[in-house]
PDB file of all heavy atoms in Angstrom:
ATOM      1  N   ALA A   1       0.864  -1.180   0.000  1.00  0.00           N
ATOM      2  CA  ALA A   1       0.000   0.000   0.000  1.00  0.00           C
ATOM      3  C   ALA A   1       0.901   1.231   0.000  1.00  0.00           C
ATOM      4  O   ALA A   1       1.941   1.252   0.662  1.00  0.00           O
ATOM      5  CB  ALA A   1      -0.887   0.001   1.240  1.00  0.00           C
ATOM      6  N   VAL A   2       0.522   2.248  -0.760  1.00  0.00           N
ATOM      7  CA  VAL A   2       1.267   3.500  -0.743  1.00  0.00           C
ATOM      8  C   VAL A   2       0.844   4.242   0.520  1.00  0.00           C
ATOM      9  O   VAL A   2      -0.307   4.636   0.670  1.00  0.00           O
ATOM     10  CB  VAL A   2       0.988   4.344  -1.998  1.00  0.00           C
ATOM     11  CG1 VAL A   2       1.727   5.664  -1.928  1.00  0.00           C
ATOM     12  CG2 VAL A   2       1.370   3.577  -3.254  1.00  0.00           C
ATOM     13  N   SER A   3       1.788   4.394   1.430  1.00  0.00           N
ATOM     14  CA  SER A   3       1.502   5.018   2.713  1.00  0.00           C
ATOM     15  C   SER A   3       1.666   6.528   2.660  1.00  0.00           C
ATOM     16  O   SER A   3       0.899   7.270   3.266  1.00  0.00           O
ATOM     17  CB  SER A   3       2.432   4.433   3.781  1.00  0.00           C
ATOM     18  OG  SER A   3       2.271   5.090   5.006  1.00  0.00           O
ATOM     19  N   GLN A   4       2.690   6.978   1.905  1.00  0.00           N
ATOM     20  CA  GLN A   4       2.987   8.404   1.911  1.00  0.00           C
ATOM     21  C   GLN A   4       3.831   8.761   0.693  1.00  0.00           C
ATOM     22  O   GLN A   4       4.679   7.979   0.276  1.00  0.00           O
ATOM     23  CB  GLN A   4       3.753   8.735   3.196  1.00  0.00           C
ATOM     24  CG  GLN A   4       3.964  10.193   3.478  1.00  0.00           C
ATOM     25  CD  GLN A   4       4.643  10.367   4.824  1.00  0.00           C
ATOM     26  OE1 GLN A   4       5.853  10.174   4.912  1.00  0.00           O
ATOM     27  NE2 GLN A   4       3.874  10.698   5.839  1.00  0.00           N
ATOM     28  N   VAL A   5       3.579   9.945   0.133  1.00  0.00           N
ATOM     29  CA  VAL A   5       4.416  10.511  -0.917  1.00  0.00           C
ATOM     30  C   VAL A   5       4.739  11.939  -0.486  1.00  0.00           C
ATOM     31  O   VAL A   5       3.834  12.717  -0.229  1.00  0.00           O
ATOM     32  CB  VAL A   5       3.708  10.522  -2.290  1.00  0.00           C
ATOM     33  CG1 VAL A   5       4.596  11.142  -3.351  1.00  0.00           C
ATOM     34  CG2 VAL A   5       3.290   9.113  -2.699  1.00  0.00           C
ATOM     35  N   ARG A   6       6.050  12.242  -0.381  1.00  0.00           N
ATOM     36  CA  ARG A   6       6.465  13.562   0.082  1.00  0.00           C
ATOM     37  C   ARG A   6       7.465  14.166  -0.894  1.00  0.00           C
ATOM     38  O   ARG A   6       8.233  13.452  -1.523  1.00  0.00           O
ATOM     39  CB  ARG A   6       7.139  13.476   1.456  1.00  0.00           C
ATOM     40  CG  ARG A   6       6.251  12.964   2.530  1.00  0.00           C
ATOM     41  CD  ARG A   6       6.855  12.975   3.904  1.00  0.00           C
ATOM     42  NE  ARG A   6       8.318  12.949   3.925  1.00  0.00           N
ATOM     43  CZ  ARG A   6       9.031  12.888   5.026  1.00  0.00           C
ATOM     44  NH1 ARG A   6       8.442  12.836   6.191  1.00  0.00           N
ATOM     45  NH2 ARG A   6      10.356  12.866   4.973  1.00  0.00           N
ATOM     46  N   THR A   7       7.434  15.499  -0.959  1.00  0.00           N
ATOM     47  CA  THR A   7       8.438  16.229  -1.712  1.00  0.00           C
ATOM     48  C   THR A   7       9.507  16.687  -0.737  1.00  0.00           C
ATOM     49  O   THR A   7       9.202  17.269   0.302  1.00  0.00           O
ATOM     50  CB  THR A   7       7.813  17.453  -2.415  1.00  0.00           C
ATOM     51  OG1 THR A   7       6.766  17.003  -3.265  1.00  0.00           O
ATOM     52  CG2 THR A   7       8.847  18.190  -3.245  1.00  0.00           C
ATOM     53  N   LEU A   8      10.765  16.418  -1.058  1.00  0.00           N
ATOM     54  CA  LEU A   8      11.880  16.793  -0.200  1.00  0.00           C
ATOM     55  C   LEU A   8      12.347  18.211  -0.514  1.00  0.00           C
ATOM     56  O   LEU A   8      11.997  18.780  -1.555  1.00  0.00           O
ATOM     57  CB  LEU A   8      13.024  15.796  -0.388  1.00  0.00           C
ATOM     58  CG  LEU A   8      12.664  14.330  -0.136  1.00  0.00           C
ATOM     59  CD1 LEU A   8      13.845  13.438  -0.471  1.00  0.00           C
ATOM     60  CD2 LEU A   8      12.227  14.129   1.311  1.00  0.00           C
ATOM     61  N   ALA A   9      13.144  18.777   0.358  1.00  0.00           N
ATOM     62  CA  ALA A   9      13.631  20.144   0.206  1.00  0.00           C
ATOM     63  C   ALA A   9      14.396  20.336  -1.103  1.00  0.00           C
ATOM     64  O   ALA A   9      14.336  21.408  -1.704  1.00  0.00           O
ATOM     65  CB  ALA A   9      14.510  20.525   1.390  1.00  0.00           C
ATOM     66  N   ASP A  10      15.093  19.299  -1.560  1.00  0.00           N
ATOM     67  CA  ASP A  10      15.877  19.418  -2.790  1.00  0.00           C
ATOM     68  C   ASP A  10      15.049  19.122  -4.046  1.00  0.00           C
ATOM     69  O   ASP A  10      15.568  19.058  -5.145  1.00  0.00           O
ATOM     70  CB  ASP A  10      17.103  18.519  -2.746  1.00  0.00           C
ATOM     71  CG  ASP A  10      16.762  17.034  -2.719  1.00  0.00           C
ATOM     72  OD1 ASP A  10      15.563  16.672  -2.724  1.00  0.00           O
ATOM     73  OD2 ASP A  10      17.704  16.213  -2.689  1.00  0.00           O
ATOM     74  N   GLY A  11      13.736  18.919  -3.864  1.00  0.00           N
ATOM     75  CA  GLY A  11      12.845  18.648  -4.992  1.00  0.00           C
ATOM     76  C   GLY A  11      12.670  17.173  -5.289  1.00  0.00           C
ATOM     77  O   GLY A  11      11.843  16.803  -6.119  1.00  0.00           O
ATOM     78  N   GLY A  12      13.435  16.320  -4.609  1.00  0.00           N
ATOM     79  CA  GLY A  12      13.274  14.878  -4.783  1.00  0.00           C
ATOM     80  C   GLY A  12      11.965  14.403  -4.172  1.00  0.00           C
ATOM     81  O   GLY A  12      11.270  15.150  -3.485  1.00  0.00           O
ATOM     82  N   LEU A  13      11.629  13.169  -4.436  1.00  0.00           N
ATOM     83  CA  LEU A  13      10.399  12.581  -3.901  1.00  0.00           C
ATOM     84  C   LEU A  13      10.737  11.405  -3.012  1.00  0.00           C
ATOM     85  O   LEU A  13      11.658  10.649  -3.303  1.00  0.00           O
ATOM     86  CB  LEU A  13       9.488  12.115  -5.031  1.00  0.00           C
ATOM     87  CG  LEU A  13       9.005  13.221  -5.969  1.00  0.00           C
ATOM     88  CD1 LEU A  13       8.325  12.612  -7.176  1.00  0.00           C
ATOM     89  CD2 LEU A  13       8.072  14.158  -5.246  1.00  0.00           C
ATOM     90  N   ARG A  14       9.990  11.227  -1.950  1.00  0.00           N
ATOM     91  CA  ARG A  14      10.142  10.067  -1.068  1.00  0.00           C
ATOM     92  C   ARG A  14       8.797   9.361  -1.014  1.00  0.00           C
ATOM     93  O   ARG A  14       7.780   9.955  -0.668  1.00  0.00           O
ATOM     94  CB  ARG A  14      10.571  10.490   0.327  1.00  0.00           C
ATOM     95  CG  ARG A  14      10.609   9.284   1.281  1.00  0.00           C
ATOM     96  CD  ARG A  14      11.415   9.556   2.500  1.00  0.00           C
ATOM     97  NE  ARG A  14      12.806   9.790   2.102  1.00  0.00           N
ATOM     98  CZ  ARG A  14      13.655  10.512   2.820  1.00  0.00           C
ATOM     99  NH1 ARG A  14      13.284  11.060   3.941  1.00  0.00           N
ATOM    100  NH2 ARG A  14      14.892  10.678   2.403  1.00  0.00           N
ATOM    101  N   VAL A  15       8.797   8.082  -1.360  1.00  0.00           N
ATOM    102  CA  VAL A  15       7.588   7.261  -1.344  1.00  0.00           C
ATOM    103  C   VAL A  15       7.750   6.210  -0.259  1.00  0.00           C
ATOM    104  O   VAL A  15       8.755   5.500  -0.217  1.00  0.00           O
ATOM    105  CB  VAL A  15       7.363   6.581  -2.715  1.00  0.00           C
ATOM    106  CG1 VAL A  15       6.129   5.694  -2.680  1.00  0.00           C
ATOM    107  CG2 VAL A  15       7.259   7.626  -3.818  1.00  0.00           C
ATOM    108  N   THR A  16       6.768   6.109   0.623  1.00  0.00           N
ATOM    109  CA  THR A  16       6.780   5.119   1.695  1.00  0.00           C
ATOM    110  C   THR A  16       5.732   4.061   1.384  1.00  0.00           C
ATOM    111  O   THR A  16       4.577   4.396   1.114  1.00  0.00           O
ATOM    112  CB  THR A  16       6.468   5.778   3.053  1.00  0.00           C
ATOM    113  OG1 THR A  16       7.407   6.828   3.282  1.00  0.00           O
ATOM    114  CG2 THR A  16       6.533   4.768   4.183  1.00  0.00           C
ATOM    115  N   LEU A  17       6.143   2.792   1.424  1.00  0.00           N
ATOM    116  CA  LEU A  17       5.247   1.674   1.150  1.00  0.00           C
ATOM    117  C   LEU A  17       5.013   0.870   2.416  1.00  0.00           C
ATOM    118  O   LEU A  17       5.918   0.690   3.220  1.00  0.00           O
ATOM    119  CB  LEU A  17       5.850   0.750   0.088  1.00  0.00           C
ATOM    120  CG  LEU A  17       6.183   1.373  -1.258  1.00  0.00           C
ATOM    121  CD1 LEU A  17       6.899   0.353  -2.138  1.00  0.00           C
ATOM    122  CD2 LEU A  17       4.931   1.891  -1.939  1.00  0.00           C
ATOM    123  N   ASP A  18       3.808   0.360   2.590  1.00  0.00           N
ATOM    124  CA  ASP A  18       3.485  -0.565   3.667  1.00  0.00           C
ATOM    125  C   ASP A  18       3.361  -1.960   3.068  1.00  0.00           C
ATOM    126  O   ASP A  18       2.536  -2.186   2.183  1.00  0.00           O
ATOM    127  CB  ASP A  18       2.157  -0.189   4.339  1.00  0.00           C
ATOM    128  CG  ASP A  18       2.246   1.087   5.161  1.00  0.00           C
ATOM    129  OD1 ASP A  18       3.363   1.502   5.500  1.00  0.00           O
ATOM    130  OD2 ASP A  18       1.189   1.659   5.462  1.00  0.00           O
ATOM    131  N   LEU A  19       4.203  -2.877   3.529  1.00  0.00           N
ATOM    132  CA  LEU A  19       4.173  -4.257   3.062  1.00  0.00           C
ATOM    133  C   LEU A  19       3.392  -5.115   4.043  1.00  0.00           C
ATOM    134  O   LEU A  19       3.349  -4.802   5.230  1.00  0.00           O
ATOM    135  CB  LEU A  19       5.595  -4.816   2.931  1.00  0.00           C
ATOM    136  CG  LEU A  19       6.391  -4.453   1.678  1.00  0.00           C
ATOM    137  CD1 LEU A  19       6.629  -2.971   1.566  1.00  0.00           C
ATOM    138  CD2 LEU A  19       7.671  -5.221   1.644  1.00  0.00           C
ATOM    139  N   PRO A  20       2.803  -6.207   3.575  1.00  0.00           N
ATOM    140  CA  PRO A  20       2.077  -7.096   4.474  1.00  0.00           C
ATOM    141  C   PRO A  20       3.035  -7.868   5.384  1.00  0.00           C
ATOM    142  O   PRO A  20       4.250  -7.938   5.127  1.00  0.00           O
ATOM    143  CB  PRO A  20       1.334  -8.041   3.526  1.00  0.00           C
ATOM    144  CG  PRO A  20       2.135  -8.028   2.266  1.00  0.00           C
ATOM    145  CD  PRO A  20       2.747  -6.665   2.178  1.00  0.00           C
ATOM    146  N   GLU A  21       2.501  -8.445   6.425  1.00  0.00           N
ATOM    147  CA  GLU A  21       3.300  -9.173   7.416  1.00  0.00           C
ATOM    148  C   GLU A  21       4.096 -10.329   6.823  1.00  0.00           C
ATOM    149  O   GLU A  21       5.150 -10.683   7.338  1.00  0.00           O
ATOM    150  CB  GLU A  21       2.395  -9.709   8.528  1.00  0.00           C
ATOM    151  CG  GLU A  21       1.766  -8.636   9.377  1.00  0.00           C
ATOM    152  CD  GLU A  21       0.773  -9.195  10.384  1.00  0.00           C
ATOM    153  OE1 GLU A  21       0.555 -10.426  10.405  1.00  0.00           O
ATOM    154  OE2 GLU A  21       0.214  -8.394  11.143  1.00  0.00           O
ATOM    155  N   ASP A  22       3.602 -10.925   5.744  1.00  0.00           N
ATOM    156  CA  ASP A  22       4.287 -12.088   5.173  1.00  0.00           C
ATOM    157  C   ASP A  22       5.369 -11.712   4.153  1.00  0.00           C
ATOM    158  O   ASP A  22       5.949 -12.584   3.509  1.00  0.00           O
ATOM    159  CB  ASP A  22       3.287 -13.062   4.562  1.00  0.00           C
ATOM    160  CG  ASP A  22       2.497 -12.474   3.396  1.00  0.00           C
ATOM    161  OD1 ASP A  22       2.617 -11.257   3.132  1.00  0.00           O
ATOM    162  OD2 ASP A  22       1.762 -13.232   2.747  1.00  0.00           O
ATOM    163  N   ALA A  23       5.693 -10.436   4.030  1.00  0.00           N
ATOM    164  CA  ALA A  23       6.708  -9.982   3.076  1.00  0.00           C
ATOM    165  C   ALA A  23       8.066  -9.780   3.758  1.00  0.00           C
ATOM    166  O   ALA A  23       8.823  -8.881   3.413  1.00  0.00           O
ATOM    167  CB  ALA A  23       6.251  -8.699   2.392  1.00  0.00           C
ATOM    168  N   VAL A  24       8.386 -10.642   4.700  1.00  0.00           N
ATOM    169  CA  VAL A  24       9.627 -10.516   5.461  1.00  0.00           C
ATOM    170  C   VAL A  24      10.851 -10.681   4.547  1.00  0.00           C
ATOM    171  O   VAL A  24      11.808  -9.903   4.635  1.00  0.00           O
ATOM    172  CB  VAL A  24       9.663 -11.541   6.617  1.00  0.00           C
ATOM    173  CG1 VAL A  24      10.991 -11.500   7.346  1.00  0.00           C
ATOM    174  CG2 VAL A  24       8.511 -11.284   7.573  1.00  0.00           C
ATOM    175  N   TYR A  25      10.837 -11.671   3.665  1.00  0.00           N
ATOM    176  CA  TYR A  25      11.971 -11.869   2.758  1.00  0.00           C
ATOM    177  C   TYR A  25      12.159 -10.644   1.877  1.00  0.00           C
ATOM    178  O   TYR A  25      13.292 -10.176   1.679  1.00  0.00           O
ATOM    179  CB  TYR A  25      11.774 -13.119   1.889  1.00  0.00           C
ATOM    180  CG  TYR A  25      12.885 -13.266   0.878  1.00  0.00           C
ATOM    181  CD1 TYR A  25      14.107 -13.816   1.250  1.00  0.00           C
ATOM    182  CD2 TYR A  25      12.725 -12.815  -0.428  1.00  0.00           C
ATOM    183  CE1 TYR A  25      15.155 -13.921   0.342  1.00  0.00           C
ATOM    184  CE2 TYR A  25      13.772 -12.907  -1.341  1.00  0.00           C
ATOM    185  CZ  TYR A  25      14.970 -13.460  -0.958  1.00  0.00           C
ATOM    186  OH  TYR A  25      16.002 -13.550  -1.849  1.00  0.00           O
ATOM    187  N   GLN A  26      11.079 -10.116   1.331  1.00  0.00           N
ATOM    188  CA  GLN A  26      11.162  -8.959   0.451  1.00  0.00           C
ATOM    189  C   GLN A  26      11.695  -7.737   1.192  1.00  0.00           C
ATOM    190  O   GLN A  26      12.522  -6.983   0.661  1.00  0.00           O
ATOM    191  CB  GLN A  26       9.791  -8.656  -0.165  1.00  0.00           C
ATOM    192  CG  GLN A  26       9.328  -9.712  -1.143  1.00  0.00           C
ATOM    193  CD  GLN A  26       8.596 -10.889  -0.507  1.00  0.00           C
ATOM    194  OE1 GLN A  26       8.670 -11.115   0.697  1.00  0.00           O
ATOM    195  NE2 GLN A  26       7.881 -11.631  -1.320  1.00  0.00           N
ATOM    196  N   ALA A  27      11.252  -7.538   2.429  1.00  0.00           N
ATOM    197  CA  ALA A  27      11.758  -6.420   3.230  1.00  0.00           C
ATOM    198  C   ALA A  27      13.246  -6.597   3.511  1.00  0.00           C
ATOM    199  O   ALA A  27      14.023  -5.638   3.413  1.00  0.00           O
ATOM    200  CB  ALA A  27      10.962  -6.302   4.529  1.00  0.00           C
ATOM    201  N   ALA A  28      13.667  -7.820   3.833  1.00  0.00           N
ATOM    202  CA  ALA A  28      15.084  -8.087   4.084  1.00  0.00           C
ATOM    203  C   ALA A  28      15.899  -7.837   2.818  1.00  0.00           C
ATOM    204  O   ALA A  28      17.009  -7.292   2.884  1.00  0.00           O
ATOM    205  CB  ALA A  28      15.272  -9.523   4.577  1.00  0.00           C
ATOM    206  N   TRP A  29      15.368  -8.217   1.683  1.00  0.00           N
ATOM    207  CA  TRP A  29      16.034  -7.997   0.408  1.00  0.00           C
ATOM    208  C   TRP A  29      16.258  -6.505   0.184  1.00  0.00           C
ATOM    209  O   TRP A  29      17.348  -6.068  -0.181  1.00  0.00           O
ATOM    210  CB  TRP A  29      15.172  -8.605  -0.697  1.00  0.00           C
ATOM    211  CG  TRP A  29      15.780  -8.691  -2.064  1.00  0.00           C
ATOM    212  CD1 TRP A  29      16.435  -9.772  -2.596  1.00  0.00           C
ATOM    213  CD2 TRP A  29      15.751  -7.699  -3.092  1.00  0.00           C
ATOM    214  NE1 TRP A  29      16.808  -9.500  -3.887  1.00  0.00           N
ATOM    215  CE2 TRP A  29      16.398  -8.229  -4.215  1.00  0.00           C
ATOM    216  CE3 TRP A  29      15.227  -6.424  -3.168  1.00  0.00           C
ATOM    217  CZ2 TRP A  29      16.547  -7.516  -5.398  1.00  0.00           C
ATOM    218  CZ3 TRP A  29      15.382  -5.702  -4.348  1.00  0.00           C
ATOM    219  CH2 TRP A  29      16.042  -6.259  -5.447  1.00  0.00           C
ATOM    220  N   LEU A  30      15.211  -5.706   0.414  1.00  0.00           N
ATOM    221  CA  LEU A  30      15.315  -4.253   0.254  1.00  0.00           C
ATOM    222  C   LEU A  30      16.300  -3.652   1.255  1.00  0.00           C
ATOM    223  O   LEU A  30      17.071  -2.743   0.922  1.00  0.00           O
ATOM    224  CB  LEU A  30      13.939  -3.604   0.401  1.00  0.00           C
ATOM    225  CG  LEU A  30      12.959  -3.912  -0.738  1.00  0.00           C
ATOM    226  CD1 LEU A  30      11.547  -3.490  -0.338  1.00  0.00           C
ATOM    227  CD2 LEU A  30      13.392  -3.230  -2.024  1.00  0.00           C
ATOM    228  N   MET A  31      16.297  -4.157   2.488  1.00  0.00           N
ATOM    229  CA  MET A  31      17.242  -3.666   3.493  1.00  0.00           C
ATOM    230  C   MET A  31      18.679  -3.954   3.077  1.00  0.00           C
ATOM    231  O   MET A  31      19.575  -3.130   3.298  1.00  0.00           O
ATOM    232  CB  MET A  31      16.955  -4.289   4.856  1.00  0.00           C
ATOM    233  CG  MET A  31      15.729  -3.716   5.531  1.00  0.00           C
ATOM    234  SD  MET A  31      15.493  -4.420   7.172  1.00  0.00           S
ATOM    235  CE  MET A  31      14.129  -5.524   6.851  1.00  0.00           C
TER     236      MET A  31
END
């Protein structure tokens, strides 16, 4: 789920995603 989309001071974008509880491997991969 898209949790948040923010514009940063330098004009970049930050997107925050919420993953389900069973996406532990995917979260570890991203980390």
